[in-house]
Amino acid sequence: PSPQTATITLRARLGAPLKDPDVHRNVVAAAHALAERIGIPILHLQAGEDALTVTLQTSRIGAVGFAAELRRITNAWYTRHHDASLWGADPGEDLP
């Protein structure tokens, strides 16, 4: 059977935070590090000014798990450095 692929997109809550070179570099590096750590190949990665799209060689469920963990990691980093949420509030959390 041919390998499964799935694509995920994380969109910024406000503005174009990935336009900042530090944010862009850290988000892309986190995606690659996470993929390597969990053993899921990245087939394509596109980082725009307000979104990150990643195509992975995995099932849809695997991609959702990847997206959730990448969102958690990058949002935590961004919040520490910018005192704001990168991707938005977590489910059940109030937005400011």
N, C-alpha and C. Protein backbone atom coordinates (compact mmCIF):
# COMPACT_ATOMS: atom_id res chain seq x y z
N PRO A 1 0.83 -1.20 0.00
CA PRO A 1 0.00 0.00 0.00
C PRO A 1 0.87 1.26 0.00
N SER A 2 0.38 2.30 -0.65
CA SER A 2 1.13 3.55 -0.67
C SER A 2 0.98 4.27 0.67
N PRO A 3 2.01 5.02 1.06
CA PRO A 3 1.94 5.71 2.35
C PRO A 3 0.84 6.77 2.35
N GLN A 4 0.24 6.95 3.51
CA GLN A 4 -0.79 7.97 3.67
C GLN A 4 -0.12 9.33 3.82
N THR A 5 -0.81 10.36 3.35
CA THR A 5 -0.36 11.73 3.59
C THR A 5 -1.53 12.54 4.12
N ALA A 6 -1.19 13.53 4.89
CA ALA A 6 -2.20 14.44 5.44
C ALA A 6 -1.57 15.82 5.58
N THR A 7 -2.38 16.83 5.41
CA THR A 7 -1.91 18.22 5.49
C THR A 7 -2.65 18.94 6.61
N ILE A 8 -1.88 19.68 7.41
CA ILE A 8 -2.46 20.48 8.49
C ILE A 8 -2.07 21.94 8.29
N THR A 9 -2.91 22.83 8.78
CA THR A 9 -2.60 24.26 8.74
C THR A 9 -2.91 24.88 10.09
N LEU A 10 -1.95 25.62 10.62
CA LEU A 10 -2.15 26.42 11.82
C LEU A 10 -2.20 27.87 11.36
N ARG A 11 -3.23 28.59 11.77
CA ARG A 11 -3.39 30.00 11.38
C ARG A 11 -3.23 30.90 12.60
N ALA A 12 -2.52 31.98 12.39
CA ALA A 12 -2.29 32.95 13.47
C ALA A 12 -3.61 33.57 13.91
N ARG A 13 -3.69 33.84 15.19
CA ARG A 13 -4.90 34.45 15.75
C ARG A 13 -5.08 35.87 15.24
N LEU A 14 -4.01 36.63 15.20
CA LEU A 14 -4.08 38.03 14.78
C LEU A 14 -2.85 38.40 13.94
N GLY A 15 -3.05 39.18 12.92
CA GLY A 15 -1.94 39.76 12.18
C GLY A 15 -1.09 38.76 11.42
N ALA A 16 0.20 39.10 11.30
CA ALA A 16 1.15 38.30 10.53
C ALA A 16 2.40 38.02 11.37
N PRO A 17 2.26 37.26 12.47
CA PRO A 17 3.40 37.07 13.37
C PRO A 17 4.57 36.32 12.74
N LEU A 18 4.30 35.48 11.75
CA LEU A 18 5.40 34.73 11.14
C LEU A 18 6.23 35.59 10.19
N LYS A 19 5.84 36.83 10.02
CA LYS A 19 6.64 37.78 9.24
C LYS A 19 7.92 38.13 10.01
N ASP A 20 7.84 38.06 11.33
CA ASP A 20 9.01 38.28 12.19
C ASP A 20 9.98 37.11 11.98
N PRO A 21 11.23 37.38 11.58
CA PRO A 21 12.17 36.29 11.29
C PRO A 21 12.40 35.34 12.47
N ASP A 22 12.41 35.85 13.70
CA ASP A 22 12.59 34.98 14.87
C ASP A 22 11.42 34.03 15.05
N VAL A 23 10.21 34.54 14.89
CA VAL A 23 9.02 33.70 15.02
C VAL A 23 9.01 32.66 13.90
N HIS A 24 9.25 33.10 12.69
CA HIS A 24 9.28 32.19 11.54
C HIS A 24 10.28 31.07 11.77
N ARG A 25 11.51 31.44 12.14
CA ARG A 25 12.58 30.45 12.34
C ARG A 25 12.21 29.46 13.45
N ASN A 26 11.68 29.96 14.55
CA ASN A 26 11.35 29.07 15.67
C ASN A 26 10.19 28.15 15.36
N VAL A 27 9.18 28.64 14.68
CA VAL A 27 8.03 27.79 14.33
C VAL A 27 8.44 26.70 13.35
N VAL A 28 9.22 27.06 12.33
CA VAL A 28 9.68 26.07 11.35
C VAL A 28 10.60 25.05 12.02
N ALA A 29 11.52 25.52 12.85
CA ALA A 29 12.43 24.60 13.55
C ALA A 29 11.66 23.66 14.47
N ALA A 30 10.64 24.17 15.15
CA ALA A 30 9.83 23.33 16.03
C ALA A 30 9.11 22.25 15.24
N ALA A 31 8.61 22.60 14.06
CA ALA A 31 7.92 21.61 13.22
C ALA A 31 8.87 20.50 12.81
N HIS A 32 10.07 20.87 12.37
CA HIS A 32 11.05 19.86 11.96
C HIS A 32 11.51 19.00 13.14
N ALA A 33 11.75 19.63 14.28
CA ALA A 33 12.19 18.89 15.46
C ALA A 33 11.12 17.92 15.94
N LEU A 34 9.87 18.36 15.95
CA LEU A 34 8.78 17.48 16.37
C LEU A 34 8.64 16.30 15.42
N ALA A 35 8.68 16.57 14.13
CA ALA A 35 8.55 15.50 13.14
C ALA A 35 9.67 14.47 13.31
N GLU A 36 10.89 14.96 13.53
CA GLU A 36 12.02 14.05 13.72
C GLU A 36 11.84 13.24 15.00
N ARG A 37 11.42 13.90 16.06
CA ARG A 37 11.26 13.23 17.36
C ARG A 37 10.22 12.12 17.31
N ILE A 38 9.13 12.34 16.59
CA ILE A 38 8.07 11.33 16.56
C ILE A 38 8.13 10.43 15.33
N GLY A 39 9.08 10.70 14.44
CA GLY A 39 9.30 9.81 13.30
C GLY A 39 8.29 9.95 12.17
N ILE A 40 7.76 11.14 11.98
CA ILE A 40 6.82 11.40 10.88
C ILE A 40 7.53 12.29 9.86
N PRO A 41 7.73 11.81 8.64
CA PRO A 41 8.40 12.64 7.63
C PRO A 41 7.55 13.83 7.19
N ILE A 42 8.20 14.98 7.10
CA ILE A 42 7.57 16.17 6.51
C ILE A 42 7.82 16.11 5.01
N LEU A 43 6.75 16.10 4.24
CA LEU A 43 6.87 16.08 2.79
C LEU A 43 6.92 17.49 2.21
N HIS A 44 6.24 18.41 2.86
CA HIS A 44 6.22 19.81 2.41
C HIS A 44 5.87 20.70 3.58
N LEU A 45 6.53 21.84 3.66
CA LEU A 45 6.24 22.82 4.71
C LEU A 45 6.21 24.20 4.06
N GLN A 46 5.16 24.93 4.33
CA GLN A 46 5.00 26.29 3.81
C GLN A 46 4.67 27.21 4.97
N ALA A 47 5.54 28.17 5.22
CA ALA A 47 5.31 29.14 6.29
C ALA A 47 5.08 30.50 5.67
N GLY A 48 3.85 30.97 5.75
CA GLY A 48 3.52 32.31 5.27
C GLY A 48 3.62 33.29 6.42
N GLU A 49 3.09 34.48 6.23
CA GLU A 49 3.15 35.50 7.28
C GLU A 49 2.15 35.24 8.40
N ASP A 50 1.09 34.49 8.11
CA ASP A 50 0.04 34.29 9.11
C ASP A 50 -0.39 32.84 9.28
N ALA A 51 0.34 31.91 8.66
CA ALA A 51 -0.06 30.50 8.76
C ALA A 51 1.13 29.59 8.47
N LEU A 52 1.02 28.38 8.97
CA LEU A 52 2.00 27.33 8.70
C LEU A 52 1.21 26.13 8.18
N THR A 53 1.60 25.62 7.01
CA THR A 53 0.96 24.44 6.44
C THR A 53 2.02 23.37 6.28
N VAL A 54 1.72 22.17 6.77
CA VAL A 54 2.67 21.07 6.72
C VAL A 54 1.97 19.84 6.15
N THR A 55 2.59 19.22 5.15
CA THR A 55 2.12 17.95 4.63
C THR A 55 3.03 16.87 5.18
N LEU A 56 2.41 15.88 5.80
CA LEU A 56 3.13 14.83 6.51
C LEU A 56 2.84 13.47 5.90
N GLN A 57 3.79 12.57 6.02
CA GLN A 57 3.57 11.19 5.60
C GLN A 57 3.04 10.42 6.81
N THR A 58 1.75 10.56 7.01
CA THR A 58 1.09 9.92 8.14
C THR A 58 -0.41 9.91 7.89
N SER A 59 -1.12 9.28 8.78
CA SER A 59 -2.58 9.27 8.70
C SER A 59 -3.15 10.62 9.12
N ARG A 60 -4.42 10.80 8.87
CA ARG A 60 -5.09 12.03 9.28
C ARG A 60 -5.03 12.19 10.80
N ILE A 61 -5.21 11.10 11.51
CA ILE A 61 -5.15 11.14 12.98
C ILE A 61 -3.75 11.52 13.44
N GLY A 62 -2.73 10.95 12.79
CA GLY A 62 -1.35 11.31 13.12
C GLY A 62 -1.08 12.79 12.89
N ALA A 63 -1.63 13.33 11.81
CA ALA A 63 -1.45 14.74 11.49
C ALA A 63 -2.14 15.64 12.51
N VAL A 64 -3.31 15.23 12.97
CA VAL A 64 -4.03 16.01 13.99
C VAL A 64 -3.21 16.04 15.28
N GLY A 65 -2.65 14.90 15.66
CA GLY A 65 -1.80 14.84 16.84
C GLY A 65 -0.57 15.72 16.69
N PHE A 66 0.04 15.67 15.51
CA PHE A 66 1.20 16.52 15.21
C PHE A 66 0.82 17.99 15.34
N ALA A 67 -0.30 18.37 14.75
CA ALA A 67 -0.75 19.77 14.78
C ALA A 67 -1.00 20.22 16.22
N ALA A 68 -1.64 19.38 17.00
CA ALA A 68 -1.94 19.74 18.39
C ALA A 68 -0.66 19.97 19.19
N GLU A 69 0.31 19.08 19.02
CA GLU A 69 1.56 19.21 19.77
C GLU A 69 2.38 20.40 19.26
N LEU A 70 2.43 20.60 17.95
CA LEU A 70 3.15 21.74 17.40
C LEU A 70 2.51 23.05 17.87
N ARG A 71 1.21 23.08 17.88
CA ARG A 71 0.49 24.27 18.35
C ARG A 71 0.82 24.55 19.81
N ARG A 72 0.83 23.51 20.63
CA ARG A 72 1.13 23.67 22.05
C ARG A 72 2.55 24.20 22.26
N ILE A 73 3.51 23.58 21.59
CA ILE A 73 4.92 23.96 21.74
C ILE A 73 5.16 25.40 21.29
N THR A 74 4.69 25.72 20.09
CA THR A 74 4.97 27.04 19.53
C THR A 74 4.17 28.14 20.23
N ASN A 75 2.97 27.83 20.66
CA ASN A 75 2.18 28.82 21.38
C ASN A 75 2.82 29.14 22.73
N ALA A 76 3.34 28.12 23.40
CA ALA A 76 4.00 28.34 24.69
C ALA A 76 5.23 29.23 24.50
N TRP A 77 6.03 28.94 23.49
CA TRP A 77 7.22 29.76 23.22
C TRP A 77 6.81 31.20 22.90
N TYR A 78 5.85 31.36 22.02
CA TYR A 78 5.43 32.69 21.58
C TYR A 78 4.86 33.50 22.75
N THR A 79 4.07 32.86 23.58
CA THR A 79 3.46 33.54 24.72
C THR A 79 4.53 34.04 25.70
N ARG A 80 5.57 33.24 25.91
CA ARG A 80 6.67 33.66 26.79
C ARG A 80 7.39 34.89 26.24
N HIS A 81 7.53 34.98 24.94
CA HIS A 81 8.31 36.06 24.32
C HIS A 81 7.48 37.28 23.90
N HIS A 82 6.20 37.11 23.71
CA HIS A 82 5.38 38.19 23.18
C HIS A 82 4.16 38.52 24.02
N ASP A 83 3.96 37.81 25.12
CA ASP A 83 2.83 38.06 26.01
C ASP A 83 1.49 38.07 25.27
N ALA A 84 1.38 37.19 24.29
CA ALA A 84 0.14 37.04 23.51
C ALA A 84 0.12 35.63 22.95
N SER A 85 -1.04 35.20 22.52
CA SER A 85 -1.20 33.87 21.95
C SER A 85 -0.93 33.90 20.44
N LEU A 86 -0.13 32.96 19.96
CA LEU A 86 0.18 32.89 18.53
C LEU A 86 -1.00 32.35 17.73
N TRP A 87 -1.53 31.23 18.16
CA TRP A 87 -2.58 30.54 17.40
C TRP A 87 -3.96 30.77 17.98
N GLY A 88 -4.07 31.41 19.13
CA GLY A 88 -5.36 31.59 19.76
C GLY A 88 -5.43 30.82 21.05
N ALA A 89 -6.51 30.98 21.75
CA ALA A 89 -6.69 30.33 23.04
C ALA A 89 -6.92 28.84 22.86
N ASP A 90 -6.56 28.10 23.89
CA ASP A 90 -6.86 26.67 23.89
C ASP A 90 -8.35 26.47 24.09
N PRO A 91 -8.88 25.32 23.67
CA PRO A 91 -10.31 25.07 23.87
C PRO A 91 -10.69 25.24 25.34
N GLY A 92 -11.75 25.96 25.57
CA GLY A 92 -12.22 26.19 26.93
C GLY A 92 -11.56 27.37 27.62
N GLU A 93 -10.54 27.96 27.00
CA GLU A 93 -9.84 29.10 27.58
C GLU A 93 -10.45 30.38 27.04
N ASP A 94 -10.62 31.36 27.90
CA ASP A 94 -11.18 32.64 27.47
C ASP A 94 -10.14 33.45 26.71
N LEU A 95 -10.55 34.06 25.61
CA LEU A 95 -9.68 34.97 24.88
C LEU A 95 -9.74 36.34 25.54
N PRO A 96 -8.62 37.07 25.54
CA PRO A 96 -8.64 38.41 26.13
C PRO A 96 -9.51 39.35 25.32
